[in-house]
Each structure stands twice: as C-alpha cells, then as structure tokens.
Amino acid sequence: PTLETILGRSRTLGLDVTSVTPELTMAP
C-alpha cells in the first residue's frame, strides 16, 4: 500500500501501477 501510494498517487509520481502477486512463496 505504501508503494502504491508513492508510485501511483497523482500527487506523487502518478505512475500506472500494476502489481503481480505470487502467493504462498514460502510453501516449498
């Protein structure tokens, strides 16, 4: 959420942010 605020908010960098989320990365 902090990164999306810093990178994506119009009052900051205003980038079009897309997150890719692999789940359960520690399972193996």
mmCIF file of all heavy atoms, coordinates in Angstrom:
data_MODEL
# 
_entry.id   MODEL 
# 
loop_
_atom_site.group_PDB 
_atom_site.id 
_atom_site.type_symbol 
_atom_site.label_atom_id 
_atom_site.label_alt_id 
_atom_site.label_comp_id 
_atom_site.label_asym_id 
_atom_site.label_entity_id 
_atom_site.label_seq_id 
_atom_site.pdbx_PDB_ins_code 
_atom_site.Cartn_x 
_atom_site.Cartn_y 
_atom_site.Cartn_z 
_atom_site.occupancy 
_atom_site.B_iso_or_equiv 
_atom_site.pdbx_formal_charge 
_atom_site.auth_seq_id 
_atom_site.auth_comp_id 
_atom_site.auth_asym_id 
_atom_site.auth_atom_id 
_atom_site.pdbx_PDB_model_num 
ATOM 1   N N   . PRO A 1 1  ? 0.817  -1.223  0.000   1.00 0.00 ? 1  PRO A N   1 
ATOM 2   C CA  . PRO A 1 1  ? 0.000  0.000   0.000   1.00 0.00 ? 1  PRO A CA  1 
ATOM 3   C C   . PRO A 1 1  ? 0.851  1.275   0.000   1.00 0.00 ? 1  PRO A C   1 
ATOM 4   O O   . PRO A 1 1  ? 0.505  2.253   -0.666  1.00 0.00 ? 1  PRO A O   1 
ATOM 5   C CB  . PRO A 1 1  ? -0.830 -0.116  1.275   1.00 0.00 ? 1  PRO A CB  1 
ATOM 6   C CG  . PRO A 1 1  ? -0.913 -1.586  1.535   1.00 0.00 ? 1  PRO A CG  1 
ATOM 7   C CD  . PRO A 1 1  ? 0.428  -2.115  1.095   1.00 0.00 ? 1  PRO A CD  1 
ATOM 8   N N   . THR A 1 2  ? 1.973  1.246   0.702   1.00 0.00 ? 2  THR A N   1 
ATOM 9   C CA  . THR A 1 2  ? 2.862  2.405   0.714   1.00 0.00 ? 2  THR A CA  1 
ATOM 10  C C   . THR A 1 2  ? 3.448  2.638   -0.669  1.00 0.00 ? 2  THR A C   1 
ATOM 11  O O   . THR A 1 2  ? 3.474  3.765   -1.167  1.00 0.00 ? 2  THR A O   1 
ATOM 12  C CB  . THR A 1 2  ? 3.991  2.211   1.743   1.00 0.00 ? 2  THR A CB  1 
ATOM 13  O OG1 . THR A 1 2  ? 3.407  2.034   3.031   1.00 0.00 ? 2  THR A OG1 1 
ATOM 14  C CG2 . THR A 1 2  ? 4.941  3.380   1.764   1.00 0.00 ? 2  THR A CG2 1 
ATOM 15  N N   . LEU A 1 3  ? 3.904  1.570   -1.309  1.00 0.00 ? 3  LEU A N   1 
ATOM 16  C CA  . LEU A 1 3  ? 4.468  1.705   -2.660  1.00 0.00 ? 3  LEU A CA  1 
ATOM 17  C C   . LEU A 1 3  ? 3.423  2.195   -3.651  1.00 0.00 ? 3  LEU A C   1 
ATOM 18  O O   . LEU A 1 3  ? 3.715  3.047   -4.495  1.00 0.00 ? 3  LEU A O   1 
ATOM 19  C CB  . LEU A 1 3  ? 5.039  0.374   -3.139  1.00 0.00 ? 3  LEU A CB  1 
ATOM 20  C CG  . LEU A 1 3  ? 6.341  -0.053  -2.499  1.00 0.00 ? 3  LEU A CG  1 
ATOM 21  C CD1 . LEU A 1 3  ? 6.753  -1.415  -3.021  1.00 0.00 ? 3  LEU A CD1 1 
ATOM 22  C CD2 . LEU A 1 3  ? 7.422  0.964   -2.762  1.00 0.00 ? 3  LEU A CD2 1 
ATOM 23  N N   . GLU A 1 4  ? 2.210  1.661   -3.564  1.00 0.00 ? 4  GLU A N   1 
ATOM 24  C CA  . GLU A 1 4  ? 1.161  2.097   -4.478  1.00 0.00 ? 4  GLU A CA  1 
ATOM 25  C C   . GLU A 1 4  ? 0.835  3.572   -4.255  1.00 0.00 ? 4  GLU A C   1 
ATOM 26  O O   . GLU A 1 4  ? 0.537  4.300   -5.196  1.00 0.00 ? 4  GLU A O   1 
ATOM 27  C CB  . GLU A 1 4  ? -0.066 1.211   -4.328  1.00 0.00 ? 4  GLU A CB  1 
ATOM 28  C CG  . GLU A 1 4  ? 0.178  -0.186  -4.899  1.00 0.00 ? 4  GLU A CG  1 
ATOM 29  C CD  . GLU A 1 4  ? -0.947 -1.167  -4.654  1.00 0.00 ? 4  GLU A CD  1 
ATOM 30  O OE1 . GLU A 1 4  ? -1.830 -0.892  -3.802  1.00 0.00 ? 4  GLU A OE1 1 
ATOM 31  O OE2 . GLU A 1 4  ? -0.940 -2.225  -5.302  1.00 0.00 ? 4  GLU A OE2 1 
ATOM 32  N N   . THR A 1 5  ? 0.922  4.034   -3.013  1.00 0.00 ? 5  THR A N   1 
ATOM 33  C CA  . THR A 1 5  ? 0.705  5.448   -2.717  1.00 0.00 ? 5  THR A CA  1 
ATOM 34  C C   . THR A 1 5  ? 1.836  6.299   -3.291  1.00 0.00 ? 5  THR A C   1 
ATOM 35  O O   . THR A 1 5  ? 1.595  7.304   -3.961  1.00 0.00 ? 5  THR A O   1 
ATOM 36  C CB  . THR A 1 5  ? 0.600  5.678   -1.192  1.00 0.00 ? 5  THR A CB  1 
ATOM 37  O OG1 . THR A 1 5  ? -0.536 4.969   -0.702  1.00 0.00 ? 5  THR A OG1 1 
ATOM 38  C CG2 . THR A 1 5  ? 0.471  7.144   -0.855  1.00 0.00 ? 5  THR A CG2 1 
ATOM 39  N N   . ILE A 1 6  ? 3.065  5.903   -3.045  1.00 0.00 ? 6  ILE A N   1 
ATOM 40  C CA  . ILE A 1 6  ? 4.212  6.682   -3.511  1.00 0.00 ? 6  ILE A CA  1 
ATOM 41  C C   . ILE A 1 6  ? 4.296  6.686   -5.035  1.00 0.00 ? 6  ILE A C   1 
ATOM 42  O O   . ILE A 1 6  ? 4.494  7.715   -5.666  1.00 0.00 ? 6  ILE A O   1 
ATOM 43  C CB  . ILE A 1 6  ? 5.523  6.134   -2.916  1.00 0.00 ? 6  ILE A CB  1 
ATOM 44  C CG1 . ILE A 1 6  ? 5.558  6.410   -1.409  1.00 0.00 ? 6  ILE A CG1 1 
ATOM 45  C CG2 . ILE A 1 6  ? 6.736  6.740   -3.600  1.00 0.00 ? 6  ILE A CG2 1 
ATOM 46  C CD1 . ILE A 1 6  ? 6.674  5.688   -0.677  1.00 0.00 ? 6  ILE A CD1 1 
ATOM 47  N N   . LEU A 1 7  ? 4.133  5.526   -5.634  1.00 0.00 ? 7  LEU A N   1 
ATOM 48  C CA  . LEU A 1 7  ? 4.297  5.417   -7.076  1.00 0.00 ? 7  LEU A CA  1 
ATOM 49  C C   . LEU A 1 7  ? 3.059  5.833   -7.862  1.00 0.00 ? 7  LEU A C   1 
ATOM 50  O O   . LEU A 1 7  ? 3.171  6.398   -8.938  1.00 0.00 ? 7  LEU A O   1 
ATOM 51  C CB  . LEU A 1 7  ? 4.677  3.984   -7.457  1.00 0.00 ? 7  LEU A CB  1 
ATOM 52  C CG  . LEU A 1 7  ? 5.971  3.443   -6.872  1.00 0.00 ? 7  LEU A CG  1 
ATOM 53  C CD1 . LEU A 1 7  ? 6.155  1.986   -7.265  1.00 0.00 ? 7  LEU A CD1 1 
ATOM 54  C CD2 . LEU A 1 7  ? 7.155  4.271   -7.297  1.00 0.00 ? 7  LEU A CD2 1 
ATOM 55  N N   . GLY A 1 8  ? 1.874  5.553   -7.319  1.00 0.00 ? 8  GLY A N   1 
ATOM 56  C CA  . GLY A 1 8  ? 0.663  5.700   -8.104  1.00 0.00 ? 8  GLY A CA  1 
ATOM 57  C C   . GLY A 1 8  ? -0.209 6.912   -7.857  1.00 0.00 ? 8  GLY A C   1 
ATOM 58  O O   . GLY A 1 8  ? -1.013 7.264   -8.714  1.00 0.00 ? 8  GLY A O   1 
ATOM 59  N N   . ARG A 1 9  ? -0.081 7.568   -6.716  1.00 0.00 ? 9  ARG A N   1 
ATOM 60  C CA  . ARG A 1 9  ? -0.943 8.719   -6.451  1.00 0.00 ? 9  ARG A CA  1 
ATOM 61  C C   . ARG A 1 9  ? -0.629 9.873   -7.397  1.00 0.00 ? 9  ARG A C   1 
ATOM 62  O O   . ARG A 1 9  ? 0.522  10.150  -7.693  1.00 0.00 ? 9  ARG A O   1 
ATOM 63  C CB  . ARG A 1 9  ? -0.766 9.219   -5.016  1.00 0.00 ? 9  ARG A CB  1 
ATOM 64  C CG  . ARG A 1 9  ? -1.600 8.449   -4.030  1.00 0.00 ? 9  ARG A CG  1 
ATOM 65  C CD  . ARG A 1 9  ? -1.549 9.030   -2.642  1.00 0.00 ? 9  ARG A CD  1 
ATOM 66  N NE  . ARG A 1 9  ? -2.170 10.341  -2.598  1.00 0.00 ? 9  ARG A NE  1 
ATOM 67  C CZ  . ARG A 1 9  ? -1.832 11.282  -1.733  1.00 0.00 ? 9  ARG A CZ  1 
ATOM 68  N NH1 . ARG A 1 9  ? -0.885 11.075  -0.849  1.00 0.00 ? 9  ARG A NH1 1 
ATOM 69  N NH2 . ARG A 1 9  ? -2.447 12.435  -1.736  1.00 0.00 ? 9  ARG A NH2 1 
ATOM 70  N N   . SER A 1 10 ? -1.655 10.568  -7.817  1.00 0.00 ? 10 SER A N   1 
ATOM 71  C CA  . SER A 1 10 ? -1.449 11.683  -8.743  1.00 0.00 ? 10 SER A CA  1 
ATOM 72  C C   . SER A 1 10 ? -0.614 12.799  -8.121  1.00 0.00 ? 10 SER A C   1 
ATOM 73  O O   . SER A 1 10 ? 0.057  13.536  -8.825  1.00 0.00 ? 10 SER A O   1 
ATOM 74  C CB  . SER A 1 10 ? -2.792 12.238  -9.213  1.00 0.00 ? 10 SER A CB  1 
ATOM 75  O OG  . SER A 1 10 ? -3.537 12.715  -8.109  1.00 0.00 ? 10 SER A OG  1 
ATOM 76  N N   . ARG A 1 11 ? -0.607 12.928  -6.809  1.00 0.00 ? 11 ARG A N   1 
ATOM 77  C CA  . ARG A 1 11 ? 0.183  13.968  -6.147  1.00 0.00 ? 11 ARG A CA  1 
ATOM 78  C C   . ARG A 1 11 ? 1.634  13.546  -5.925  1.00 0.00 ? 11 ARG A C   1 
ATOM 79  O O   . ARG A 1 11 ? 2.429  14.332  -5.436  1.00 0.00 ? 11 ARG A O   1 
ATOM 80  C CB  . ARG A 1 11 ? -0.439 14.347  -4.806  1.00 0.00 ? 11 ARG A CB  1 
ATOM 81  C CG  . ARG A 1 11 ? -1.814 14.921  -4.899  1.00 0.00 ? 11 ARG A CG  1 
ATOM 82  C CD  . ARG A 1 11 ? -1.866 16.362  -5.275  1.00 0.00 ? 11 ARG A CD  1 
ATOM 83  N NE  . ARG A 1 11 ? -1.154 17.165  -4.282  1.00 0.00 ? 11 ARG A NE  1 
ATOM 84  C CZ  . ARG A 1 11 ? -0.671 18.353  -4.537  1.00 0.00 ? 11 ARG A CZ  1 
ATOM 85  N NH1 . ARG A 1 11 ? -0.803 18.883  -5.720  1.00 0.00 ? 11 ARG A NH1 1 
ATOM 86  N NH2 . ARG A 1 11 ? -0.049 19.029  -3.605  1.00 0.00 ? 11 ARG A NH2 1 
ATOM 87  N N   . THR A 1 12 ? 1.968  12.309  -6.255  1.00 0.00 ? 12 THR A N   1 
ATOM 88  C CA  . THR A 1 12 ? 3.366  11.868  -6.144  1.00 0.00 ? 12 THR A CA  1 
ATOM 89  C C   . THR A 1 12 ? 3.868  11.553  -7.551  1.00 0.00 ? 12 THR A C   1 
ATOM 90  O O   . THR A 1 12 ? 3.897  12.429  -8.384  1.00 0.00 ? 12 THR A O   1 
ATOM 91  C CB  . THR A 1 12 ? 3.517  10.697  -5.158  1.00 0.00 ? 12 THR A CB  1 
ATOM 92  O OG1 . THR A 1 12 ? 2.637  9.638   -5.544  1.00 0.00 ? 12 THR A OG1 1 
ATOM 93  C CG2 . THR A 1 12 ? 3.187  11.120  -3.731  1.00 0.00 ? 12 THR A CG2 1 
ATOM 94  N N   . LEU A 1 13 ? 4.263  10.325  -7.830  1.00 0.00 ? 13 LEU A N   1 
ATOM 95  C CA  . LEU A 1 13 ? 4.816  10.005  -9.152  1.00 0.00 ? 13 LEU A CA  1 
ATOM 96  C C   . LEU A 1 13 ? 3.744  9.762   -10.211 1.00 0.00 ? 13 LEU A C   1 
ATOM 97  O O   . LEU A 1 13 ? 4.012  9.861   -11.393 1.00 0.00 ? 13 LEU A O   1 
ATOM 98  C CB  . LEU A 1 13 ? 5.758  8.804   -9.064  1.00 0.00 ? 13 LEU A CB  1 
ATOM 99  C CG  . LEU A 1 13 ? 7.011  9.033   -8.216  1.00 0.00 ? 13 LEU A CG  1 
ATOM 100 C CD1 . LEU A 1 13 ? 7.841  7.766   -8.141  1.00 0.00 ? 13 LEU A CD1 1 
ATOM 101 C CD2 . LEU A 1 13 ? 7.837  10.176  -8.745  1.00 0.00 ? 13 LEU A CD2 1 
ATOM 102 N N   . GLY A 1 14 ? 2.535  9.402   -9.796  1.00 0.00 ? 14 GLY A N   1 
ATOM 103 C CA  . GLY A 1 14 ? 1.421  9.260   -10.725 1.00 0.00 ? 14 GLY A CA  1 
ATOM 104 C C   . GLY A 1 14 ? 1.554  8.156   -11.753 1.00 0.00 ? 14 GLY A C   1 
ATOM 105 O O   . GLY A 1 14 ? 0.949  8.210   -12.810 1.00 0.00 ? 14 GLY A O   1 
ATOM 106 N N   . LEU A 1 15 ? 2.348  7.145   -11.451 1.00 0.00 ? 15 LEU A N   1 
ATOM 107 C CA  . LEU A 1 15 ? 2.526  6.036   -12.387 1.00 0.00 ? 15 LEU A CA  1 
ATOM 108 C C   . LEU A 1 15 ? 1.289  5.148   -12.424 1.00 0.00 ? 15 LEU A C   1 
ATOM 109 O O   . LEU A 1 15 ? 0.519  5.080   -11.468 1.00 0.00 ? 15 LEU A O   1 
ATOM 110 C CB  . LEU A 1 15 ? 3.739  5.200   -11.976 1.00 0.00 ? 15 LEU A CB  1 
ATOM 111 C CG  . LEU A 1 15 ? 5.078  5.924   -11.995 1.00 0.00 ? 15 LEU A CG  1 
ATOM 112 C CD1 . LEU A 1 15 ? 6.146  5.076   -11.317 1.00 0.00 ? 15 LEU A CD1 1 
ATOM 113 C CD2 . LEU A 1 15 ? 5.490  6.271   -13.409 1.00 0.00 ? 15 LEU A CD2 1 
ATOM 114 N N   . ASP A 1 16 ? 1.093  4.459   -13.525 1.00 0.00 ? 16 ASP A N   1 
ATOM 115 C CA  . ASP A 1 16 ? 0.028  3.474   -13.664 1.00 0.00 ? 16 ASP A CA  1 
ATOM 116 C C   . ASP A 1 16 ? 0.588  2.146   -13.156 1.00 0.00 ? 16 ASP A C   1 
ATOM 117 O O   . ASP A 1 16 ? 1.232  1.402   -13.891 1.00 0.00 ? 16 ASP A O   1 
ATOM 118 C CB  . ASP A 1 16 ? -0.394 3.372   -15.128 1.00 0.00 ? 16 ASP A CB  1 
ATOM 119 C CG  . ASP A 1 16 ? -1.505 2.367   -15.358 1.00 0.00 ? 16 ASP A CG  1 
ATOM 120 O OD1 . ASP A 1 16 ? -2.133 1.922   -14.371 1.00 0.00 ? 16 ASP A OD1 1 
ATOM 121 O OD2 . ASP A 1 16 ? -1.735 2.017   -16.527 1.00 0.00 ? 16 ASP A OD2 1 
ATOM 122 N N   . VAL A 1 17 ? 0.355  1.870   -11.878 1.00 0.00 ? 17 VAL A N   1 
ATOM 123 C CA  . VAL A 1 17 ? 0.994  0.737   -11.192 1.00 0.00 ? 17 VAL A CA  1 
ATOM 124 C C   . VAL A 1 17 ? 0.155  -0.534  -11.324 1.00 0.00 ? 17 VAL A C   1 
ATOM 125 O O   . VAL A 1 17 ? -1.039 -0.527  -11.062 1.00 0.00 ? 17 VAL A O   1 
ATOM 126 C CB  . VAL A 1 17 ? 1.206  1.047   -9.697  1.00 0.00 ? 17 VAL A CB  1 
ATOM 127 C CG1 . VAL A 1 17 ? 1.844  -0.122  -8.990  1.00 0.00 ? 17 VAL A CG1 1 
ATOM 128 C CG2 . VAL A 1 17 ? 2.043  2.305   -9.528  1.00 0.00 ? 17 VAL A CG2 1 
ATOM 129 N N   . THR A 1 18 ? 0.811  -1.597  -11.735 1.00 0.00 ? 18 THR A N   1 
ATOM 130 C CA  . THR A 1 18 ? 0.204  -2.923  -11.766 1.00 0.00 ? 18 THR A CA  1 
ATOM 131 C C   . THR A 1 18 ? 1.071  -3.844  -10.910 1.00 0.00 ? 18 THR A C   1 
ATOM 132 O O   . THR A 1 18 ? 2.276  -3.909  -11.099 1.00 0.00 ? 18 THR A O   1 
ATOM 133 C CB  . THR A 1 18 ? 0.144  -3.480  -13.202 1.00 0.00 ? 18 THR A CB  1 
ATOM 134 O OG1 . THR A 1 18 ? -0.596 -2.582  -14.011 1.00 0.00 ? 18 THR A OG1 1 
ATOM 135 C CG2 . THR A 1 18 ? -0.493 -4.854  -13.234 1.00 0.00 ? 18 THR A CG2 1 
ATOM 136 N N   . SER A 1 19 ? 0.442  -4.530  -9.969  1.00 0.00 ? 19 SER A N   1 
ATOM 137 C CA  . SER A 1 19 ? 1.177  -5.451  -9.101  1.00 0.00 ? 19 SER A CA  1 
ATOM 138 C C   . SER A 1 19 ? 0.927  -6.882  -9.529  1.00 0.00 ? 19 SER A C   1 
ATOM 139 O O   . SER A 1 19 ? -0.192 -7.252  -9.871  1.00 0.00 ? 19 SER A O   1 
ATOM 140 C CB  . SER A 1 19 ? 0.738  -5.284  -7.642  1.00 0.00 ? 19 SER A CB  1 
ATOM 141 O OG  . SER A 1 19 ? 1.085  -4.007  -7.181  1.00 0.00 ? 19 SER A OG  1 
ATOM 142 N N   . VAL A 1 20 ? 1.973  -7.678  -9.501  1.00 0.00 ? 20 VAL A N   1 
ATOM 143 C CA  . VAL A 1 20 ? 1.905  -9.110  -9.786  1.00 0.00 ? 20 VAL A CA  1 
ATOM 144 C C   . VAL A 1 20 ? 2.203  -9.819  -8.467  1.00 0.00 ? 20 VAL A C   1 
ATOM 145 O O   . VAL A 1 20 ? 3.232  -9.554  -7.844  1.00 0.00 ? 20 VAL A O   1 
ATOM 146 C CB  . VAL A 1 20 ? 2.924  -9.509  -10.874 1.00 0.00 ? 20 VAL A CB  1 
ATOM 147 C CG1 . VAL A 1 20 ? 2.924  -11.003 -11.095 1.00 0.00 ? 20 VAL A CG1 1 
ATOM 148 C CG2 . VAL A 1 20 ? 2.632  -8.760  -12.168 1.00 0.00 ? 20 VAL A CG2 1 
ATOM 149 N N   . THR A 1 21 ? 1.312  -10.721 -8.053  1.00 0.00 ? 21 THR A N   1 
ATOM 150 C CA  . THR A 1 21 ? 1.421  -11.290 -6.716  1.00 0.00 ? 21 THR A CA  1 
ATOM 151 C C   . THR A 1 21 ? 1.422  -12.816 -6.711  1.00 0.00 ? 21 THR A C   1 
ATOM 152 O O   . THR A 1 21 ? 0.365  -13.442 -6.737  1.00 0.00 ? 21 THR A O   1 
ATOM 153 C CB  . THR A 1 21 ? 0.248  -10.802 -5.835  1.00 0.00 ? 21 THR A CB  1 
ATOM 154 O OG1 . THR A 1 21 ? 0.172  -9.389  -5.917  1.00 0.00 ? 21 THR A OG1 1 
ATOM 155 C CG2 . THR A 1 21 ? 0.420  -11.226 -4.399  1.00 0.00 ? 21 THR A CG2 1 
ATOM 156 N N   . PRO A 1 22 ? 2.601  -13.439 -6.672  1.00 0.00 ? 22 PRO A N   1 
ATOM 157 C CA  . PRO A 1 22 ? 2.619  -14.886 -6.428  1.00 0.00 ? 22 PRO A CA  1 
ATOM 158 C C   . PRO A 1 22 ? 2.344  -15.135 -4.942  1.00 0.00 ? 22 PRO A C   1 
ATOM 159 O O   . PRO A 1 22 ? 2.887  -14.448 -4.084  1.00 0.00 ? 22 PRO A O   1 
ATOM 160 C CB  . PRO A 1 22 ? 4.038  -15.297 -6.816  1.00 0.00 ? 22 PRO A CB  1 
ATOM 161 C CG  . PRO A 1 22 ? 4.854  -14.062 -6.720  1.00 0.00 ? 22 PRO A CG  1 
ATOM 162 C CD  . PRO A 1 22 ? 3.931  -12.899 -6.932  1.00 0.00 ? 22 PRO A CD  1 
ATOM 163 N N   . GLU A 1 23 ? 1.501  -16.085 -4.661  1.00 0.00 ? 23 GLU A N   1 
ATOM 164 C CA  . GLU A 1 23 ? 1.080  -16.375 -3.285  1.00 0.00 ? 23 GLU A CA  1 
ATOM 165 C C   . GLU A 1 23 ? 1.858  -17.547 -2.693  1.00 0.00 ? 23 GLU A C   1 
ATOM 166 O O   . GLU A 1 23 ? 2.366  -18.396 -3.424  1.00 0.00 ? 23 GLU A O   1 
ATOM 167 C CB  . GLU A 1 23 ? -0.410 -16.726 -3.254  1.00 0.00 ? 23 GLU A CB  1 
ATOM 168 C CG  . GLU A 1 23 ? -1.320 -15.646 -3.783  1.00 0.00 ? 23 GLU A CG  1 
ATOM 169 C CD  . GLU A 1 23 ? -1.616 -14.572 -2.770  1.00 0.00 ? 23 GLU A CD  1 
ATOM 170 O OE1 . GLU A 1 23 ? -1.144 -14.663 -1.619  1.00 0.00 ? 23 GLU A OE1 1 
ATOM 171 O OE2 . GLU A 1 23 ? -2.328 -13.622 -3.127  1.00 0.00 ? 23 GLU A OE2 1 
ATOM 172 N N   . LEU A 1 24 ? 1.910  -17.576 -1.389  1.00 0.00 ? 24 LEU A N   1 
ATOM 173 C CA  . LEU A 1 24 ? 2.453  -18.703 -0.623  1.00 0.00 ? 24 LEU A CA  1 
ATOM 174 C C   . LEU A 1 24 ? 3.889  -19.034 -1.039  1.00 0.00 ? 24 LEU A C   1 
ATOM 175 O O   . LEU A 1 24 ? 4.254  -20.198 -1.202  1.00 0.00 ? 24 LEU A O   1 
ATOM 176 C CB  . LEU A 1 24 ? 1.548  -19.927 -0.758  1.00 0.00 ? 24 LEU A CB  1 
ATOM 177 C CG  . LEU A 1 24 ? 0.119  -19.719 -0.263  1.00 0.00 ? 24 LEU A CG  1 
ATOM 178 C CD1 . LEU A 1 24 ? -0.785 -20.827 -0.742  1.00 0.00 ? 24 LEU A CD1 1 
ATOM 179 C CD2 . LEU A 1 24 ? 0.093  -19.614 1.254   1.00 0.00 ? 24 LEU A CD2 1 
ATOM 180 N N   . THR A 1 25 ? 4.715  -18.018 -1.186  1.00 0.00 ? 25 THR A N   1 
ATOM 181 C CA  . THR A 1 25 ? 6.064  -18.212 -1.707  1.00 0.00 ? 25 THR A CA  1 
ATOM 182 C C   . THR A 1 25 ? 6.968  -19.038 -0.801  1.00 0.00 ? 25 THR A C   1 
ATOM 183 O O   . THR A 1 25 ? 7.972  -19.573 -1.261  1.00 0.00 ? 25 THR A O   1 
ATOM 184 C CB  . THR A 1 25 ? 6.739  -16.864 -2.003  1.00 0.00 ? 25 THR A CB  1 
ATOM 185 O OG1 . THR A 1 25 ? 6.755  -16.082 -0.811  1.00 0.00 ? 25 THR A OG1 1 
ATOM 186 C CG2 . THR A 1 25 ? 6.000  -16.118 -3.097  1.00 0.00 ? 25 THR A CG2 1 
ATOM 187 N N   . MET A 1 26 ? 6.618  -19.163 0.452   1.00 0.00 ? 26 MET A N   1 
ATOM 188 C CA  . MET A 1 26 ? 7.435  -19.964 1.373   1.00 0.00 ? 26 MET A CA  1 
ATOM 189 C C   . MET A 1 26 ? 6.961  -21.411 1.473   1.00 0.00 ? 26 MET A C   1 
ATOM 190 O O   . MET A 1 26 ? 7.591  -22.220 2.149   1.00 0.00 ? 26 MET A O   1 
ATOM 191 C CB  . MET A 1 26 ? 7.441  -19.324 2.762   1.00 0.00 ? 26 MET A CB  1 
ATOM 192 C CG  . MET A 1 26 ? 8.186  -18.002 2.833   1.00 0.00 ? 26 MET A CG  1 
ATOM 193 S SD  . MET A 1 26 ? 9.925  -18.152 2.423   1.00 0.00 ? 26 MET A SD  1 
ATOM 194 C CE  . MET A 1 26 ? 10.527 -19.121 3.793   1.00 0.00 ? 26 MET A CE  1 
ATOM 195 N N   . ALA A 1 27 ? 5.876  -21.748 0.813   1.00 0.00 ? 27 ALA A N   1 
ATOM 196 C CA  . ALA A 1 27 ? 5.329  -23.107 0.922   1.00 0.00 ? 27 ALA A CA  1 
ATOM 197 C C   . ALA A 1 27 ? 6.345  -24.198 0.599   1.00 0.00 ? 27 ALA A C   1 
ATOM 198 O O   . ALA A 1 27 ? 6.415  -25.199 1.321   1.00 0.00 ? 27 ALA A O   1 
ATOM 199 C CB  . ALA A 1 27 ? 4.084  -23.245 0.058   1.00 0.00 ? 27 ALA A CB  1 
ATOM 200 N N   . PRO A 1 28 ? 7.172  -24.055 -0.445  1.00 0.00 ? 28 PRO A N   1 
ATOM 201 C CA  . PRO A 1 28 ? 8.130  -25.123 -0.724  1.00 0.00 ? 28 PRO A CA  1 
ATOM 202 C C   . PRO A 1 28 ? 9.211  -25.279 0.348   1.00 0.00 ? 28 PRO A C   1 
ATOM 203 O O   . PRO A 1 28 ? 9.834  -26.330 0.447   1.00 0.00 ? 28 PRO A O   1 
ATOM 204 C CB  . PRO A 1 28 ? 8.765  -24.700 -2.053  1.00 0.00 ? 28 PRO A CB  1 
ATOM 205 C CG  . PRO A 1 28 ? 7.796  -23.772 -2.680  1.00 0.00 ? 28 PRO A CG  1 
ATOM 206 C CD  . PRO A 1 28 ? 7.145  -23.059 -1.522  1.00 0.00 ? 28 PRO A CD  1 
# 
